[in-house]
Amino acid sequence: MSFVKFSYSRLDQFETVNRRGDHTLAQAMAHAALFLNEPAEDLETILARLADVAHQMIADVDMASISVTSRDGISTKAATDQAARDLDQLQYDFQEGPCLDALLDPDKAEVVVDDMSCERRWPRYAQAAAGRGYRSQMGIKIYREGRSAGGLNLYSLRANAFGDETRAAAEIFAVHAAIAMDKVRTVTNLTDALGSQQTIGQAVGIVMRTYTVDEDAAFNYLTRVSQTTNTKLRDVAAQIVAALTVEARVNRDGARNGSRPCRVAVAPAPTVGGDGATS
């Protein structure tokens, strides 16, 4: 389950803001929550929409991006501007910056820069960012299953742009980014599982029809092939379905040319022992 280490002090700040009649955080929460009821799409599309709304709803944010960690490293999956992607990439290349600190430092949930022109923690990156006119930056860690999975990056042309209210709103969007990532993963896993079931069912039917065995014998045979060849069951099934597809295409083309039908080997014929076991 995804979560962000949301500070209760942020909730107190939210209540204080609302009591004085400023509804920026409430609006941010409402807009971000809309994504939870949207149909699941690919991850890049959902994160792009979240970054866009964060840019529009959080005060003094001139552009936003979302970085994601994977086995291949860190990459920007969504950005409101090419300039945001460029600044993200500079941090990846320099191996320094608030984006990376928020992502990789286990002791930091957020990193804020008030004025890049005075920043000394990341000298190469700070000079490059300030040279492009960006003065403030904030990185918020995105957690999944208790581990860092990405970061929400906010950029501003104004110095000292990110106060407590902005930080609270940014945490809200980081929470929703984590939820969106889990939602996409869940739907993807479910879709893959349903697809695998369908393919296995098709392969069972092919073995039954090809070798005149019952459903249990056909499934047991596929399982045995999977175990003896150290191949996933869904991959064995996919190979059998693909072989039948080739056979159908070859025969269709042959019929047009007047050739005799042919049979493509689907799999070695299963043998049934005296005890009814399939091998």
C-alpha atoms as a PDB file:
ATOM      1  CA  MET A   1       0.000   0.000   0.000  1.00  0.00           C
ATOM      2  CA  SER A   2       1.356   3.421  -0.920  1.00  0.00           C
ATOM      3  CA  PHE A   3       1.621   6.240   1.517  1.00  0.00           C
ATOM      4  CA  VAL A   4       3.367   9.522   2.119  1.00  0.00           C
ATOM      5  CA  LYS A   5       4.659  10.360   5.562  1.00  0.00           C
ATOM      6  CA  PHE A   6       2.069  13.071   5.967  1.00  0.00           C
ATOM      7  CA  SER A   7       2.824  15.365   8.893  1.00  0.00           C
ATOM      8  CA  TYR A   8       0.060  16.040  11.382  1.00  0.00           C
ATOM      9  CA  SER A   9       1.443  19.562  11.619  1.00  0.00           C
ATOM     10  CA  ARG A  10       0.393  19.918   7.977  1.00  0.00           C
ATOM     11  CA  LEU A  11      -3.150  18.975   8.953  1.00  0.00           C
ATOM     12  CA  ASP A  12      -3.044  21.613  11.704  1.00  0.00           C
ATOM     13  CA  GLN A  13      -1.837  24.112   9.134  1.00  0.00           C
ATOM     14  CA  PHE A  14      -4.686  23.082   6.821  1.00  0.00           C
ATOM     15  CA  GLU A  15      -7.231  23.686   9.577  1.00  0.00           C
ATOM     16  CA  THR A  16      -5.682  27.053  10.418  1.00  0.00           C
ATOM     17  CA  VAL A  17      -5.758  28.108   6.778  1.00  0.00           C
ATOM     18  CA  ASN A  18      -9.409  27.135   6.416  1.00  0.00           C
ATOM     19  CA  ARG A  19     -10.441  28.931   9.618  1.00  0.00           C
ATOM     20  CA  ARG A  20      -9.114  32.193   8.225  1.00  0.00           C
ATOM     21  CA  GLY A  21     -11.092  31.682   5.022  1.00  0.00           C
ATOM     22  CA  ASP A  22      -8.286  30.725   2.639  1.00  0.00           C
ATOM     23  CA  HIS A  23      -9.385  27.588   0.776  1.00  0.00           C
ATOM     24  CA  THR A  24      -6.287  26.936  -1.358  1.00  0.00           C
ATOM     25  CA  LEU A  25      -5.525  23.626   0.348  1.00  0.00           C
ATOM     26  CA  ALA A  26      -9.140  22.524   0.244  1.00  0.00           C
ATOM     27  CA  GLN A  27      -9.211  23.232  -3.482  1.00  0.00           C
ATOM     28  CA  ALA A  28      -5.946  21.362  -3.960  1.00  0.00           C
ATOM     29  CA  MET A  29      -7.340  18.343  -2.135  1.00  0.00           C
ATOM     30  CA  ALA A  30     -10.564  18.422  -4.147  1.00  0.00           C
ATOM     31  CA  HIS A  31      -8.806  18.696  -7.504  1.00  0.00           C
ATOM     32  CA  ALA A  32      -6.251  16.013  -6.687  1.00  0.00           C
ATOM     33  CA  ALA A  33      -8.959  13.661  -5.398  1.00  0.00           C
ATOM     34  CA  LEU A  34     -10.735  13.824  -8.756  1.00  0.00           C
ATOM     35  CA  PHE A  35      -8.041  11.586 -10.194  1.00  0.00           C
ATOM     36  CA  LEU A  36      -8.923   8.731  -7.860  1.00  0.00           C
ATOM     37  CA  ASN A  37     -12.276   8.302  -9.609  1.00  0.00           C
ATOM     38  CA  GLU A  38     -10.915   8.647 -13.130  1.00  0.00           C
ATOM     39  CA  PRO A  39     -10.592   5.524 -15.297  1.00  0.00           C
ATOM     40  CA  ALA A  40      -7.148   3.985 -14.898  1.00  0.00           C
ATOM     41  CA  GLU A  41      -4.793   4.926 -17.715  1.00  0.00           C
ATOM     42  CA  ASP A  42      -1.113   4.506 -18.342  1.00  0.00           C
ATOM     43  CA  LEU A  43       1.103   5.869 -15.586  1.00  0.00           C
ATOM     44  CA  GLU A  44       2.585   8.706 -17.641  1.00  0.00           C
ATOM     45  CA  THR A  45      -0.846  10.098 -18.513  1.00  0.00           C
ATOM     46  CA  ILE A  46      -2.101  10.095 -14.930  1.00  0.00           C
ATOM     47  CA  LEU A  47       1.104  11.613 -13.539  1.00  0.00           C
ATOM     48  CA  ALA A  48       1.073  14.262 -16.276  1.00  0.00           C
ATOM     49  CA  ARG A  49      -2.408  15.326 -15.233  1.00  0.00           C
ATOM     50  CA  LEU A  50      -1.414  15.440 -11.575  1.00  0.00           C
ATOM     51  CA  ALA A  51       1.647  17.550 -12.372  1.00  0.00           C
ATOM     52  CA  ASP A  52      -0.496  19.908 -14.423  1.00  0.00           C
ATOM     53  CA  VAL A  53      -3.045  20.392 -11.642  1.00  0.00           C
ATOM     54  CA  ALA A  54      -0.264  20.860  -9.058  1.00  0.00           C
ATOM     55  CA  HIS A  55       1.158  23.564 -11.304  1.00  0.00           C
ATOM     56  CA  GLN A  56      -2.211  25.277 -11.598  1.00  0.00           C
ATOM     57  CA  MET A  57      -3.390  24.940  -8.004  1.00  0.00           C
ATOM     58  CA  ILE A  58      -0.272  25.520  -5.877  1.00  0.00           C
ATOM     59  CA  ALA A  59       0.666  29.175  -5.478  1.00  0.00           C
ATOM     60  CA  ASP A  60       3.866  30.460  -7.118  1.00  0.00           C
ATOM     61  CA  VAL A  61       4.622  27.187  -8.917  1.00  0.00           C
ATOM     62  CA  ASP A  62       5.804  28.049 -12.422  1.00  0.00           C
ATOM     63  CA  MET A  63       6.344  24.450 -13.503  1.00  0.00           C
ATOM     64  CA  ALA A  64       6.194  20.969 -12.045  1.00  0.00           C
ATOM     65  CA  SER A  65       7.466  17.481 -12.778  1.00  0.00           C
ATOM     66  CA  ILE A  66       7.314  13.985 -11.305  1.00  0.00           C
ATOM     67  CA  SER A  67      10.389  11.761 -11.118  1.00  0.00           C
ATOM     68  CA  VAL A  68      10.072   8.001 -10.724  1.00  0.00           C
ATOM     69  CA  THR A  69      12.614   5.414  -9.632  1.00  0.00           C
ATOM     70  CA  SER A  70      12.943   2.050 -11.349  1.00  0.00           C
ATOM     71  CA  ARG A  71      15.501  -0.679 -11.938  1.00  0.00           C
ATOM     72  CA  ASP A  72      16.890   1.439 -14.755  1.00  0.00           C
ATOM     73  CA  GLY A  73      17.442   4.450 -12.498  1.00  0.00           C
ATOM     74  CA  ILE A  74      15.595   7.739 -12.066  1.00  0.00           C
ATOM     75  CA  SER A  75      13.642   9.352 -14.877  1.00  0.00           C
ATOM     76  CA  THR A  76      11.059  12.082 -15.348  1.00  0.00           C
ATOM     77  CA  LYS A  77       7.664  10.537 -16.120  1.00  0.00           C
ATOM     78  CA  ALA A  78       5.678  13.771 -16.282  1.00  0.00           C
ATOM     79  CA  ALA A  79       6.412  17.472 -16.641  1.00  0.00           C
ATOM     80  CA  THR A  80       4.427  20.600 -17.387  1.00  0.00           C
ATOM     81  CA  ASP A  81       7.300  22.150 -19.353  1.00  0.00           C
ATOM     82  CA  GLN A  82      10.397  21.051 -21.221  1.00  0.00           C
ATOM     83  CA  ALA A  83      12.357  23.363 -18.916  1.00  0.00           C
ATOM     84  CA  ALA A  84      11.280  21.202 -15.951  1.00  0.00           C
ATOM     85  CA  ARG A  85      12.513  18.078 -17.729  1.00  0.00           C
ATOM     86  CA  ASP A  86      15.787  19.855 -18.463  1.00  0.00           C
ATOM     87  CA  LEU A  87      16.319  20.856 -14.831  1.00  0.00           C
ATOM     88  CA  ASP A  88      15.435  17.346 -13.693  1.00  0.00           C
ATOM     89  CA  GLN A  89      17.946  15.918 -16.138  1.00  0.00           C
ATOM     90  CA  LEU A  90      20.648  18.309 -14.933  1.00  0.00           C
ATOM     91  CA  GLN A  91      20.187  16.932 -11.418  1.00  0.00           C
ATOM     92  CA  TYR A  92      20.416  13.350 -12.697  1.00  0.00           C
ATOM     93  CA  ASP A  93      23.545  14.198 -14.678  1.00  0.00           C
ATOM     94  CA  PHE A  94      25.219  16.175 -11.874  1.00  0.00           C
ATOM     95  CA  GLN A  95      24.096  13.610  -9.287  1.00  0.00           C
ATOM     96  CA  GLU A  96      23.040  16.461  -7.026  1.00  0.00           C
ATOM     97  CA  GLY A  97      20.062  18.673  -6.327  1.00  0.00           C
ATOM     98  CA  PRO A  98      16.880  18.879  -4.233  1.00  0.00           C
ATOM     99  CA  CYS A  99      15.111  16.390  -6.507  1.00  0.00           C
ATOM    100  CA  LEU A 100      17.683  13.666  -5.808  1.00  0.00           C
ATOM    101  CA  ASP A 101      17.982  14.482  -2.110  1.00  0.00           C
ATOM    102  CA  ALA A 102      14.215  14.164  -1.644  1.00  0.00           C
ATOM    103  CA  LEU A 103      14.224  10.893  -3.589  1.00  0.00           C
ATOM    104  CA  LEU A 104      17.277   9.190  -2.164  1.00  0.00           C
ATOM    105  CA  ASP A 105      17.849  10.482   1.375  1.00  0.00           C
ATOM    106  CA  PRO A 106      15.879   8.188   3.735  1.00  0.00           C
ATOM    107  CA  ASP A 107      15.810  10.909   6.392  1.00  0.00           C
ATOM    108  CA  LYS A 108      14.204  13.549   4.195  1.00  0.00           C
ATOM    109  CA  ALA A 109      10.582  13.649   3.037  1.00  0.00           C
ATOM    110  CA  GLU A 110      10.948  17.088   1.461  1.00  0.00           C
ATOM    111  CA  VAL A 111      13.757  19.383   0.387  1.00  0.00           C
ATOM    112  CA  VAL A 112      13.241  23.134  -0.112  1.00  0.00           C
ATOM    113  CA  VAL A 113      15.467  25.739  -1.717  1.00  0.00           C
ATOM    114  CA  ASP A 114      14.553  29.334  -0.909  1.00  0.00           C
ATOM    115  CA  ASP A 115      17.022  31.035  -3.250  1.00  0.00           C
ATOM    116  CA  MET A 116      19.163  29.217  -5.801  1.00  0.00           C
ATOM    117  CA  SER A 117      21.481  32.229  -6.135  1.00  0.00           C
ATOM    118  CA  CYS A 118      22.572  31.693  -2.519  1.00  0.00           C
ATOM    119  CA  GLU A 119      22.448  27.879  -2.482  1.00  0.00           C
ATOM    120  CA  ARG A 120      25.677  26.075  -1.542  1.00  0.00           C
ATOM    121  CA  ARG A 121      24.550  22.461  -1.071  1.00  0.00           C
ATOM    122  CA  TRP A 122      24.612  21.662  -4.799  1.00  0.00           C
ATOM    123  CA  PRO A 123      26.972  24.210  -6.389  1.00  0.00           C
ATOM    124  CA  ARG A 124      26.872  23.001 -10.002  1.00  0.00           C
ATOM    125  CA  TYR A 125      23.134  22.497 -10.150  1.00  0.00           C
ATOM    126  CA  ALA A 126      22.285  25.670  -8.200  1.00  0.00           C
ATOM    127  CA  GLN A 127      24.369  27.776 -10.574  1.00  0.00           C
ATOM    128  CA  ALA A 128      22.718  26.182 -13.613  1.00  0.00           C
ATOM    129  CA  ALA A 129      19.176  26.612 -12.234  1.00  0.00           C
ATOM    130  CA  ALA A 130      19.777  30.208 -11.155  1.00  0.00           C
ATOM    131  CA  GLY A 131      21.279  30.929 -14.554  1.00  0.00           C
ATOM    132  CA  ARG A 132      17.964  29.874 -16.112  1.00  0.00           C
ATOM    133  CA  GLY A 133      16.023  32.197 -13.845  1.00  0.00           C
ATOM    134  CA  TYR A 134      14.671  29.682 -11.329  1.00  0.00           C
ATOM    135  CA  ARG A 135      15.080  30.822  -7.730  1.00  0.00           C
ATOM    136  CA  SER A 136      13.023  28.432  -5.575  1.00  0.00           C
ATOM    137  CA  GLN A 137      12.556  24.683  -5.761  1.00  0.00           C
ATOM    138  CA  MET A 138      10.902  21.990  -3.685  1.00  0.00           C
ATOM    139  CA  GLY A 139      11.128  18.207  -3.888  1.00  0.00           C
ATOM    140  CA  ILE A 140       8.573  15.991  -2.114  1.00  0.00           C
ATOM    141  CA  LYS A 141       9.220  12.276  -1.747  1.00  0.00           C
ATOM    142  CA  ILE A 142       6.581   9.858  -3.079  1.00  0.00           C
ATOM    143  CA  TYR A 143       6.374   6.669  -1.042  1.00  0.00           C
ATOM    144  CA  ARG A 144       5.183   3.252  -2.143  1.00  0.00           C
ATOM    145  CA  GLU A 145       5.131   0.351   0.294  1.00  0.00           C
ATOM    146  CA  GLY A 146       7.298   2.324   2.691  1.00  0.00           C
ATOM    147  CA  ARG A 147      10.029   3.009   0.134  1.00  0.00           C
ATOM    148  CA  SER A 148      10.853   5.979  -2.037  1.00  0.00           C
ATOM    149  CA  ALA A 149       9.332   5.503  -5.491  1.00  0.00           C
ATOM    150  CA  GLY A 150       9.550   8.998  -6.891  1.00  0.00           C
ATOM    151  CA  GLY A 151       9.302  12.684  -6.205  1.00  0.00           C
ATOM    152  CA  LEU A 152       7.141  15.691  -6.989  1.00  0.00           C
ATOM    153  CA  ASN A 153       9.358  18.575  -8.154  1.00  0.00           C
ATOM    154  CA  LEU A 154       8.104  22.168  -8.021  1.00  0.00           C
ATOM    155  CA  TYR A 155       9.961  25.115  -9.546  1.00  0.00           C
ATOM    156  CA  SER A 156       9.425  28.856  -9.092  1.00  0.00           C
ATOM    157  CA  LEU A 157      10.917  31.979 -10.663  1.00  0.00           C
ATOM    158  CA  ARG A 158      10.449  33.795  -7.353  1.00  0.00           C
ATOM    159  CA  ALA A 159      12.752  33.505  -4.335  1.00  0.00           C
ATOM    160  CA  ASN A 160      11.243  32.260  -1.053  1.00  0.00           C
ATOM    161  CA  ALA A 161       8.185  30.997  -2.925  1.00  0.00           C
ATOM    162  CA  PHE A 162       7.395  27.917  -0.878  1.00  0.00           C
ATOM    163  CA  GLY A 163       5.942  28.473   2.579  1.00  0.00           C
ATOM    164  CA  ASP A 164       4.123  26.092   4.897  1.00  0.00           C
ATOM    165  CA  GLU A 165       0.870  26.215   2.941  1.00  0.00           C
ATOM    166  CA  THR A 166       2.616  25.394  -0.312  1.00  0.00           C
ATOM    167  CA  ARG A 167       4.424  22.504   1.312  1.00  0.00           C
ATOM    168  CA  ALA A 168       1.154  21.131   2.690  1.00  0.00           C
ATOM    169  CA  ALA A 169      -0.482  21.324  -0.743  1.00  0.00           C
ATOM    170  CA  ALA A 170       2.545  19.634  -2.340  1.00  0.00           C
ATOM    171  CA  GLU A 171       2.311  16.759   0.133  1.00  0.00           C
ATOM    172  CA  ILE A 172      -1.332  16.281  -0.838  1.00  0.00           C
ATOM    173  CA  PHE A 173      -0.376  15.895  -4.489  1.00  0.00           C
ATOM    174  CA  ALA A 174       2.460  13.527  -3.583  1.00  0.00           C
ATOM    175  CA  VAL A 175      -0.059  11.334  -1.735  1.00  0.00           C
ATOM    176  CA  HIS A 176      -2.307  11.228  -4.797  1.00  0.00           C
ATOM    177  CA  ALA A 177       0.630  10.491  -7.074  1.00  0.00           C
ATOM    178  CA  ALA A 178       1.447   7.463  -4.888  1.00  0.00           C
ATOM    179  CA  ILE A 179      -2.178   6.305  -4.999  1.00  0.00           C
ATOM    180  CA  ALA A 180      -2.247   6.757  -8.786  1.00  0.00           C
ATOM    181  CA  MET A 181       0.901   4.664  -9.163  1.00  0.00           C
ATOM    182  CA  ASP A 182      -0.646   1.865  -7.095  1.00  0.00           C
ATOM    183  CA  LYS A 183      -3.901   2.078  -9.035  1.00  0.00           C
ATOM    184  CA  VAL A 184      -2.143   1.698 -12.374  1.00  0.00           C
ATOM    185  CA  ARG A 185      -0.039  -1.179 -11.071  1.00  0.00           C
ATOM    186  CA  THR A 186      -3.101  -2.986  -9.713  1.00  0.00           C
ATOM    187  CA  VAL A 187      -5.047  -2.609 -12.948  1.00  0.00           C
ATOM    188  CA  THR A 188      -2.012  -3.674 -14.998  1.00  0.00           C
ATOM    189  CA  ASN A 189      -1.498  -6.785 -12.871  1.00  0.00           C
ATOM    190  CA  LEU A 190      -5.192  -7.661 -13.104  1.00  0.00           C
ATOM    191  CA  THR A 191      -5.206  -7.176 -16.866  1.00  0.00           C
ATOM    192  CA  ASP A 192      -2.110  -9.350 -17.227  1.00  0.00           C
ATOM    193  CA  ALA A 193      -3.659 -12.045 -15.030  1.00  0.00           C
ATOM    194  CA  LEU A 194      -6.901 -12.070 -17.029  1.00  0.00           C
ATOM    195  CA  GLY A 195      -4.943 -12.190 -20.267  1.00  0.00           C
ATOM    196  CA  SER A 196      -2.879 -15.110 -19.003  1.00  0.00           C
ATOM    197  CA  GLN A 197      -6.006 -17.007 -17.953  1.00  0.00           C
ATOM    198  CA  GLN A 198      -7.545 -16.515 -21.362  1.00  0.00           C
ATOM    199  CA  THR A 199      -4.392 -17.690 -23.136  1.00  0.00           C
ATOM    200  CA  ILE A 200      -4.082 -20.771 -20.911  1.00  0.00           C
ATOM    201  CA  GLY A 201      -7.736 -21.621 -21.574  1.00  0.00           C
ATOM    202  CA  GLN A 202      -7.160 -21.349 -25.314  1.00  0.00           C
ATOM    203  CA  ALA A 203      -4.093 -23.599 -25.082  1.00  0.00           C
ATOM    204  CA  VAL A 204      -6.017 -26.206 -23.081  1.00  0.00           C
ATOM    205  CA  GLY A 205      -8.700 -26.234 -25.755  1.00  0.00           C
ATOM    206  CA  ILE A 206      -6.109 -26.634 -28.518  1.00  0.00           C
ATOM    207  CA  VAL A 207      -4.443 -29.599 -26.780  1.00  0.00           C
ATOM    208  CA  MET A 208      -7.839 -31.202 -26.116  1.00  0.00           C
ATOM    209  CA  ARG A 209      -8.897 -30.851 -29.751  1.00  0.00           C
ATOM    210  CA  THR A 210      -5.544 -31.792 -31.250  1.00  0.00           C
ATOM    211  CA  TYR A 211      -4.881 -34.910 -29.176  1.00  0.00           C
ATOM    212  CA  THR A 212      -8.419 -35.924 -28.120  1.00  0.00           C
ATOM    213  CA  VAL A 213      -7.847 -35.711 -24.371  1.00  0.00           C
ATOM    214  CA  ASP A 214     -10.083 -34.256 -21.690  1.00  0.00           C
ATOM    215  CA  GLU A 215      -9.645 -30.856 -20.039  1.00  0.00           C
ATOM    216  CA  ASP A 216      -7.840 -32.137 -16.941  1.00  0.00           C
ATOM    217  CA  ALA A 217      -5.379 -34.150 -19.025  1.00  0.00           C
ATOM    218  CA  ALA A 218      -4.708 -31.170 -21.289  1.00  0.00           C
ATOM    219  CA  PHE A 219      -4.087 -28.819 -18.348  1.00  0.00           C
ATOM    220  CA  ASN A 220      -1.885 -31.366 -16.571  1.00  0.00           C
ATOM    221  CA  TYR A 221       0.112 -31.710 -19.743  1.00  0.00           C
ATOM    222  CA  LEU A 222       0.686 -27.965 -19.991  1.00  0.00           C
ATOM    223  CA  THR A 223       1.761 -27.916 -16.355  1.00  0.00           C
ATOM    224  CA  ARG A 224       4.206 -30.772 -16.934  1.00  0.00           C
ATOM    225  CA  VAL A 225       5.741 -28.997 -19.939  1.00  0.00           C
ATOM    226  CA  SER A 226       6.051 -25.830 -17.866  1.00  0.00           C
ATOM    227  CA  GLN A 227       7.860 -27.652 -15.063  1.00  0.00           C
ATOM    228  CA  THR A 228      10.190 -29.755 -17.199  1.00  0.00           C
ATOM    229  CA  THR A 229      11.236 -26.841 -19.428  1.00  0.00           C
ATOM    230  CA  ASN A 230      11.360 -24.286 -16.581  1.00  0.00           C
ATOM    231  CA  THR A 231       9.006 -22.078 -18.568  1.00  0.00           C
ATOM    232  CA  LYS A 232       6.117 -20.117 -17.108  1.00  0.00           C
ATOM    233  CA  LEU A 233       2.753 -21.732 -17.763  1.00  0.00           C
ATOM    234  CA  ARG A 234       1.430 -18.626 -19.528  1.00  0.00           C
ATOM    235  CA  ASP A 235       4.454 -18.670 -21.859  1.00  0.00           C
ATOM    236  CA  VAL A 236       3.918 -22.331 -22.722  1.00  0.00           C
ATOM    237  CA  ALA A 237       0.284 -21.544 -23.463  1.00  0.00           C
ATOM    238  CA  ALA A 238       1.227 -18.512 -25.553  1.00  0.00           C
ATOM    239  CA  GLN A 239       3.590 -20.635 -27.665  1.00  0.00           C
ATOM    240  CA  ILE A 240       0.850 -23.181 -28.370  1.00  0.00           C
ATOM    241  CA  VAL A 241      -1.668 -20.480 -29.286  1.00  0.00           C
ATOM    242  CA  ALA A 242       0.935 -18.809 -31.500  1.00  0.00           C
ATOM    243  CA  ALA A 243       1.676 -22.136 -33.258  1.00  0.00           C
ATOM    244  CA  LEU A 244      -1.997 -22.606 -34.065  1.00  0.00           C
ATOM    245  CA  THR A 245      -2.154 -19.047 -35.386  1.00  0.00           C
ATOM    246  CA  VAL A 246       0.761 -19.823 -37.706  1.00  0.00           C
ATOM    247  CA  GLU A 247      -0.992 -22.985 -38.881  1.00  0.00           C
ATOM    248  CA  ALA A 248      -4.187 -21.060 -39.628  1.00  0.00           C
ATOM    249  CA  ARG A 249      -2.291 -18.400 -41.560  1.00  0.00           C
ATOM    250  CA  VAL A 250      -0.292 -20.966 -43.568  1.00  0.00           C
ATOM    251  CA  ASN A 251      -3.441 -22.891 -44.495  1.00  0.00           C
ATOM    252  CA  ARG A 252      -5.317 -19.701 -45.377  1.00  0.00           C
ATOM    253  CA  ASP A 253      -2.535 -18.613 -47.706  1.00  0.00           C
ATOM    254  CA  GLY A 254      -2.229 -22.150 -49.102  1.00  0.00           C
ATOM    255  CA  ALA A 255      -5.939 -22.301 -49.867  1.00  0.00           C
ATOM    256  CA  ARG A 256      -5.602 -19.203 -51.993  1.00  0.00           C
ATOM    257  CA  ASN A 257      -2.814 -20.891 -53.954  1.00  0.00           C
ATOM    258  CA  GLY A 258      -4.527 -24.283 -54.179  1.00  0.00           C
ATOM    259  CA  SER A 259      -2.050 -25.993 -51.821  1.00  0.00           C
ATOM    260  CA  ARG A 260      -2.984 -28.878 -49.556  1.00  0.00           C
ATOM    261  CA  PRO A 261      -3.610 -28.074 -45.867  1.00  0.00           C
ATOM    262  CA  CYS A 262      -0.698 -28.618 -43.514  1.00  0.00           C
ATOM    263  CA  ARG A 263      -0.368 -29.113 -39.766  1.00  0.00           C
ATOM    264  CA  VAL A 264       2.073 -27.142 -37.661  1.00  0.00           C
ATOM    265  CA  ALA A 265       3.241 -29.049 -34.596  1.00  0.00           C
ATOM    266  CA  VAL A 266       1.465 -27.542 -31.631  1.00  0.00           C
ATOM    267  CA  ALA A 267       3.248 -29.624 -29.004  1.00  0.00           C
ATOM    268  CA  PRO A 268       4.378 -33.206 -28.528  1.00  0.00           C
ATOM    269  CA  ALA A 269       1.364 -35.449 -27.950  1.00  0.00           C
ATOM    270  CA  PRO A 270       0.600 -36.068 -24.275  1.00  0.00           C
ATOM    271  CA  THR A 271       0.707 -39.678 -23.178  1.00  0.00           C
ATOM    272  CA  VAL A 272      -1.665 -41.099 -20.589  1.00  0.00           C
ATOM    273  CA  GLY A 273      -0.342 -43.819 -18.285  1.00  0.00           C
ATOM    274  CA  GLY A 274      -2.257 -46.765 -16.876  1.00  0.00           C
ATOM    275  CA  ASP A 275      -3.159 -44.746 -13.788  1.00  0.00           C
ATOM    276  CA  GLY A 276      -4.635 -41.985 -15.939  1.00  0.00           C
ATOM    277  CA  ALA A 277      -1.710 -39.639 -15.304  1.00  0.00           C
ATOM    278  CA  THR A 278      -0.726 -37.410 -18.195  1.00  0.00           C
ATOM    279  CA  SER A 279       2.906 -37.041 -19.142  1.00  0.00           C
END
